[in-house]
Amino acid sequence: MTVESKVRFLESLADKTRLRIVEALREREKTVSQLVKELGASQSNISGHLRLLKISGIIKSRHEGKYVYYSLSSSVIDEFLSKLEDLIKAMKREALESA
């Protein structure tokens, strides 16, 4: 894997709204309307971020009737976020211990 592909992946998550969307999708799949309501952002804003997350491969979509449901593309994304949380906690703990 190249450095550039890692940068693209991390840049996809390095936006507060996109990260909030991904966090919301960790719970279960959701429609744009559900995400708009949960995150308090406009539909066009959420849709744009969903498009970028889908292009980056972080999320996927499925159609059911007139609805489009979004979910994480892989359980590996959830595992990555859990490891990231562990890393941040460990870094904070080490910083406190060395202070």
N, C-alpha and C. Protein backbone atom coordinates (compact mmCIF):
# COMPACT_ATOMS: atom_id res chain seq x y z
N MET A 1 0.85 -1.17 0.00
CA MET A 1 0.00 0.00 0.00
C MET A 1 0.89 1.24 0.00
N THR A 2 0.56 2.19 -0.84
CA THR A 2 1.38 3.39 -0.96
C THR A 2 1.03 4.42 0.11
N VAL A 3 1.94 5.33 0.33
CA VAL A 3 1.69 6.43 1.26
C VAL A 3 0.51 7.25 0.77
N GLU A 4 0.42 7.45 -0.54
CA GLU A 4 -0.67 8.24 -1.11
C GLU A 4 -2.04 7.63 -0.82
N SER A 5 -2.14 6.31 -0.92
CA SER A 5 -3.43 5.67 -0.64
C SER A 5 -3.79 5.78 0.84
N LYS A 6 -2.79 5.73 1.71
CA LYS A 6 -3.04 5.92 3.14
C LYS A 6 -3.51 7.35 3.41
N VAL A 7 -2.86 8.31 2.75
CA VAL A 7 -3.24 9.72 2.92
C VAL A 7 -4.67 9.93 2.46
N ARG A 8 -5.05 9.38 1.30
CA ARG A 8 -6.42 9.53 0.80
C ARG A 8 -7.43 8.95 1.78
N PHE A 9 -7.12 7.79 2.33
CA PHE A 9 -8.02 7.16 3.29
C PHE A 9 -8.18 8.03 4.53
N LEU A 10 -7.06 8.48 5.09
CA LEU A 10 -7.11 9.30 6.30
C LEU A 10 -7.77 10.64 6.04
N GLU A 11 -7.54 11.23 4.87
CA GLU A 11 -8.19 12.50 4.52
C GLU A 11 -9.70 12.33 4.45
N SER A 12 -10.15 11.16 4.03
CA SER A 12 -11.59 10.90 3.97
C SER A 12 -12.23 10.96 5.35
N LEU A 13 -11.47 10.60 6.37
CA LEU A 13 -11.99 10.60 7.74
C LEU A 13 -11.63 11.88 8.49
N ALA A 14 -10.78 12.72 7.90
CA ALA A 14 -10.28 13.91 8.60
C ALA A 14 -11.20 15.11 8.43
N ASP A 15 -12.47 14.86 8.46
CA ASP A 15 -13.49 15.91 8.40
C ASP A 15 -14.51 15.58 9.47
N LYS A 16 -14.87 16.57 10.26
CA LYS A 16 -15.76 16.33 11.41
C LYS A 16 -17.08 15.70 10.98
N THR A 17 -17.69 16.23 9.93
CA THR A 17 -18.99 15.69 9.49
C THR A 17 -18.85 14.27 8.97
N ARG A 18 -17.82 14.01 8.16
CA ARG A 18 -17.64 12.66 7.64
C ARG A 18 -17.36 11.67 8.77
N LEU A 19 -16.57 12.07 9.73
CA LEU A 19 -16.30 11.17 10.86
C LEU A 19 -17.56 10.93 11.68
N ARG A 20 -18.38 11.95 11.84
CA ARG A 20 -19.65 11.77 12.56
C ARG A 20 -20.57 10.82 11.79
N ILE A 21 -20.57 10.91 10.47
CA ILE A 21 -21.38 9.99 9.65
C ILE A 21 -20.89 8.56 9.86
N VAL A 22 -19.59 8.37 9.78
CA VAL A 22 -19.03 7.03 9.95
C VAL A 22 -19.35 6.49 11.34
N GLU A 23 -19.22 7.33 12.35
CA GLU A 23 -19.56 6.91 13.71
C GLU A 23 -21.03 6.51 13.80
N ALA A 24 -21.91 7.27 13.17
CA ALA A 24 -23.34 6.95 13.19
C ALA A 24 -23.61 5.62 12.49
N LEU A 25 -22.86 5.34 11.44
CA LEU A 25 -23.06 4.10 10.69
C LEU A 25 -22.44 2.89 11.38
N ARG A 26 -21.64 3.12 12.40
CA ARG A 26 -21.12 1.99 13.18
C ARG A 26 -22.25 1.29 13.91
N GLU A 27 -23.29 2.05 14.28
CA GLU A 27 -24.42 1.49 15.01
C GLU A 27 -25.27 0.58 14.13
N ARG A 28 -25.63 1.12 12.94
CA ARG A 28 -26.48 0.37 12.00
C ARG A 28 -26.56 1.17 10.71
N GLU A 29 -27.09 0.55 9.66
CA GLU A 29 -27.26 1.26 8.40
C GLU A 29 -28.34 2.33 8.55
N LYS A 30 -28.19 3.40 7.77
CA LYS A 30 -29.13 4.52 7.88
C LYS A 30 -29.34 5.17 6.52
N THR A 31 -30.48 5.85 6.40
CA THR A 31 -30.78 6.62 5.19
C THR A 31 -30.23 8.03 5.35
N VAL A 32 -30.21 8.77 4.24
CA VAL A 32 -29.78 10.17 4.30
C VAL A 32 -30.66 10.94 5.28
N SER A 33 -31.96 10.72 5.22
CA SER A 33 -32.88 11.43 6.12
C SER A 33 -32.57 11.15 7.58
N GLN A 34 -32.26 9.92 7.90
CA GLN A 34 -31.92 9.58 9.29
C GLN A 34 -30.64 10.29 9.72
N LEU A 35 -29.65 10.33 8.82
CA LEU A 35 -28.39 11.00 9.13
C LEU A 35 -28.59 12.50 9.28
N VAL A 36 -29.42 13.09 8.41
CA VAL A 36 -29.71 14.53 8.49
C VAL A 36 -30.31 14.85 9.86
N LYS A 37 -31.27 14.05 10.27
CA LYS A 37 -31.93 14.27 11.56
C LYS A 37 -30.95 14.08 12.72
N GLU A 38 -30.17 13.03 12.66
CA GLU A 38 -29.24 12.71 13.75
C GLU A 38 -28.11 13.73 13.88
N LEU A 39 -27.59 14.18 12.73
CA LEU A 39 -26.43 15.06 12.75
C LEU A 39 -26.78 16.54 12.68
N GLY A 40 -28.02 16.85 12.34
CA GLY A 40 -28.44 18.24 12.29
C GLY A 40 -27.81 19.04 11.17
N ALA A 41 -27.52 18.40 10.06
CA ALA A 41 -26.94 19.07 8.90
C ALA A 41 -27.94 19.01 7.75
N SER A 42 -27.68 19.78 6.70
CA SER A 42 -28.59 19.79 5.55
C SER A 42 -28.44 18.51 4.74
N GLN A 43 -29.48 18.20 3.99
CA GLN A 43 -29.44 16.99 3.17
C GLN A 43 -28.34 17.08 2.11
N SER A 44 -28.17 18.26 1.51
CA SER A 44 -27.14 18.39 0.47
C SER A 44 -25.75 18.22 1.08
N ASN A 45 -25.55 18.72 2.29
CA ASN A 45 -24.27 18.58 2.97
C ASN A 45 -23.97 17.11 3.26
N ILE A 46 -24.94 16.41 3.84
CA ILE A 46 -24.77 14.99 4.16
C ILE A 46 -24.56 14.18 2.89
N SER A 47 -25.34 14.46 1.86
CA SER A 47 -25.22 13.71 0.60
C SER A 47 -23.84 13.87 -0.01
N GLY A 48 -23.30 15.08 0.03
CA GLY A 48 -21.95 15.31 -0.49
C GLY A 48 -20.90 14.52 0.26
N HIS A 49 -21.01 14.50 1.57
CA HIS A 49 -20.06 13.74 2.38
C HIS A 49 -20.23 12.23 2.16
N LEU A 50 -21.46 11.78 2.01
CA LEU A 50 -21.70 10.35 1.72
C LEU A 50 -21.05 9.96 0.40
N ARG A 51 -21.16 10.84 -0.59
CA ARG A 51 -20.56 10.56 -1.90
C ARG A 51 -19.05 10.38 -1.76
N LEU A 52 -18.39 11.28 -1.02
CA LEU A 52 -16.94 11.17 -0.84
C LEU A 52 -16.56 9.90 -0.07
N LEU A 53 -17.33 9.58 0.96
CA LEU A 53 -17.05 8.36 1.73
C LEU A 53 -17.25 7.11 0.89
N LYS A 54 -18.22 7.15 0.01
CA LYS A 54 -18.48 6.00 -0.87
C LYS A 54 -17.35 5.85 -1.89
N ILE A 55 -16.91 6.96 -2.47
CA ILE A 55 -15.81 6.92 -3.44
C ILE A 55 -14.54 6.37 -2.78
N SER A 56 -14.33 6.74 -1.52
CA SER A 56 -13.12 6.29 -0.82
C SER A 56 -13.22 4.83 -0.37
N GLY A 57 -14.41 4.24 -0.48
CA GLY A 57 -14.58 2.84 -0.11
C GLY A 57 -14.89 2.60 1.35
N ILE A 58 -15.13 3.67 2.10
CA ILE A 58 -15.39 3.53 3.53
C ILE A 58 -16.83 3.09 3.79
N ILE A 59 -17.75 3.54 2.96
CA ILE A 59 -19.15 3.14 3.11
C ILE A 59 -19.65 2.53 1.81
N LYS A 60 -20.79 1.87 1.91
CA LYS A 60 -21.48 1.32 0.74
C LYS A 60 -22.95 1.66 0.86
N SER A 61 -23.68 1.47 -0.22
CA SER A 61 -25.12 1.76 -0.18
C SER A 61 -25.88 0.60 -0.80
N ARG A 62 -27.15 0.52 -0.40
CA ARG A 62 -28.05 -0.46 -1.00
C ARG A 62 -29.42 0.20 -1.14
N HIS A 63 -30.10 -0.15 -2.19
CA HIS A 63 -31.43 0.41 -2.47
C HIS A 63 -32.50 -0.56 -1.99
N GLU A 64 -33.52 0.00 -1.36
CA GLU A 64 -34.68 -0.79 -0.95
C GLU A 64 -35.90 0.09 -1.20
N GLY A 65 -36.62 -0.22 -2.27
CA GLY A 65 -37.75 0.62 -2.65
C GLY A 65 -37.24 2.00 -3.02
N LYS A 66 -37.83 3.03 -2.43
CA LYS A 66 -37.41 4.39 -2.75
C LYS A 66 -36.29 4.89 -1.83
N TYR A 67 -35.83 4.04 -0.92
CA TYR A 67 -34.81 4.44 0.04
C TYR A 67 -33.44 3.90 -0.33
N VAL A 68 -32.41 4.66 0.04
CA VAL A 68 -31.03 4.23 -0.09
C VAL A 68 -30.47 4.14 1.32
N TYR A 69 -29.97 2.98 1.67
CA TYR A 69 -29.40 2.75 3.00
C TYR A 69 -27.88 2.73 2.89
N TYR A 70 -27.24 3.42 3.81
CA TYR A 70 -25.78 3.49 3.85
C TYR A 70 -25.27 2.72 5.06
N SER A 71 -24.13 2.05 4.87
CA SER A 71 -23.51 1.30 5.96
C SER A 71 -22.00 1.29 5.73
N LEU A 72 -21.27 0.87 6.76
CA LEU A 72 -19.83 0.72 6.60
C LEU A 72 -19.57 -0.37 5.57
N SER A 73 -18.55 -0.18 4.76
CA SER A 73 -18.27 -1.15 3.70
C SER A 73 -17.70 -2.45 4.24
N SER A 74 -17.12 -2.39 5.43
CA SER A 74 -16.47 -3.58 6.00
C SER A 74 -16.39 -3.44 7.51
N SER A 75 -16.40 -4.56 8.20
CA SER A 75 -16.21 -4.53 9.65
C SER A 75 -14.81 -4.04 10.01
N VAL A 76 -13.90 -4.09 9.05
CA VAL A 76 -12.53 -3.61 9.27
C VAL A 76 -12.53 -2.11 9.58
N ILE A 77 -13.47 -1.36 9.01
CA ILE A 77 -13.57 0.07 9.29
C ILE A 77 -13.89 0.28 10.77
N ASP A 78 -14.83 -0.49 11.28
CA ASP A 78 -15.19 -0.40 12.70
C ASP A 78 -13.99 -0.78 13.57
N GLU A 79 -13.27 -1.82 13.17
CA GLU A 79 -12.09 -2.25 13.92
C GLU A 79 -11.02 -1.16 13.91
N PHE A 80 -10.84 -0.51 12.75
CA PHE A 80 -9.87 0.58 12.64
C PHE A 80 -10.22 1.71 13.62
N LEU A 81 -11.49 2.08 13.66
CA LEU A 81 -11.92 3.16 14.56
C LEU A 81 -11.75 2.77 16.02
N SER A 82 -12.00 1.51 16.35
CA SER A 82 -11.78 1.04 17.72
C SER A 82 -10.30 1.12 18.09
N LYS A 83 -9.43 0.71 17.17
CA LYS A 83 -7.98 0.79 17.40
C LYS A 83 -7.53 2.24 17.53
N LEU A 84 -8.11 3.12 16.72
CA LEU A 84 -7.79 4.55 16.80
C LEU A 84 -8.17 5.10 18.17
N GLU A 85 -9.34 4.72 18.66
CA GLU A 85 -9.76 5.15 20.00
C GLU A 85 -8.79 4.64 21.06
N ASP A 86 -8.36 3.38 20.94
CA ASP A 86 -7.39 2.81 21.88
C ASP A 86 -6.07 3.57 21.83
N LEU A 87 -5.63 3.91 20.63
CA LEU A 87 -4.38 4.64 20.45
C LEU A 87 -4.45 6.02 21.11
N ILE A 88 -5.55 6.73 20.89
CA ILE A 88 -5.71 8.07 21.48
C ILE A 88 -5.72 7.98 23.00
N LYS A 89 -6.43 7.00 23.55
CA LYS A 89 -6.47 6.82 25.01
C LYS A 89 -5.07 6.53 25.56
N ALA A 90 -4.33 5.65 24.88
CA ALA A 90 -2.98 5.29 25.33
C ALA A 90 -2.05 6.49 25.27
N MET A 91 -2.16 7.28 24.22
CA MET A 91 -1.31 8.47 24.10
C MET A 91 -1.61 9.48 25.20
N LYS A 92 -2.89 9.66 25.52
CA LYS A 92 -3.27 10.58 26.60
C LYS A 92 -2.75 10.07 27.94
N ARG A 93 -2.88 8.77 28.15
CA ARG A 93 -2.42 8.16 29.40
C ARG A 93 -0.90 8.34 29.54
N GLU A 94 -0.16 8.08 28.47
CA GLU A 94 1.30 8.24 28.51
C GLU A 94 1.70 9.69 28.72
N ALA A 95 0.96 10.61 28.11
CA ALA A 95 1.27 12.03 28.28
C ALA A 95 1.06 12.45 29.73
N LEU A 96 0.00 11.94 30.37
CA LEU A 96 -0.26 12.27 31.78
C LEU A 96 0.81 11.67 32.70
N GLU A 97 1.24 10.46 32.37
CA GLU A 97 2.24 9.79 33.20
C GLU A 97 3.60 10.46 33.10
N SER A 98 3.92 11.02 31.95
CA SER A 98 5.23 11.64 31.77
C SER A 98 5.24 13.11 32.17
N ALA A 99 4.08 13.65 32.51
CA ALA A 99 4.01 15.08 32.89
C ALA A 99 4.42 15.30 34.32
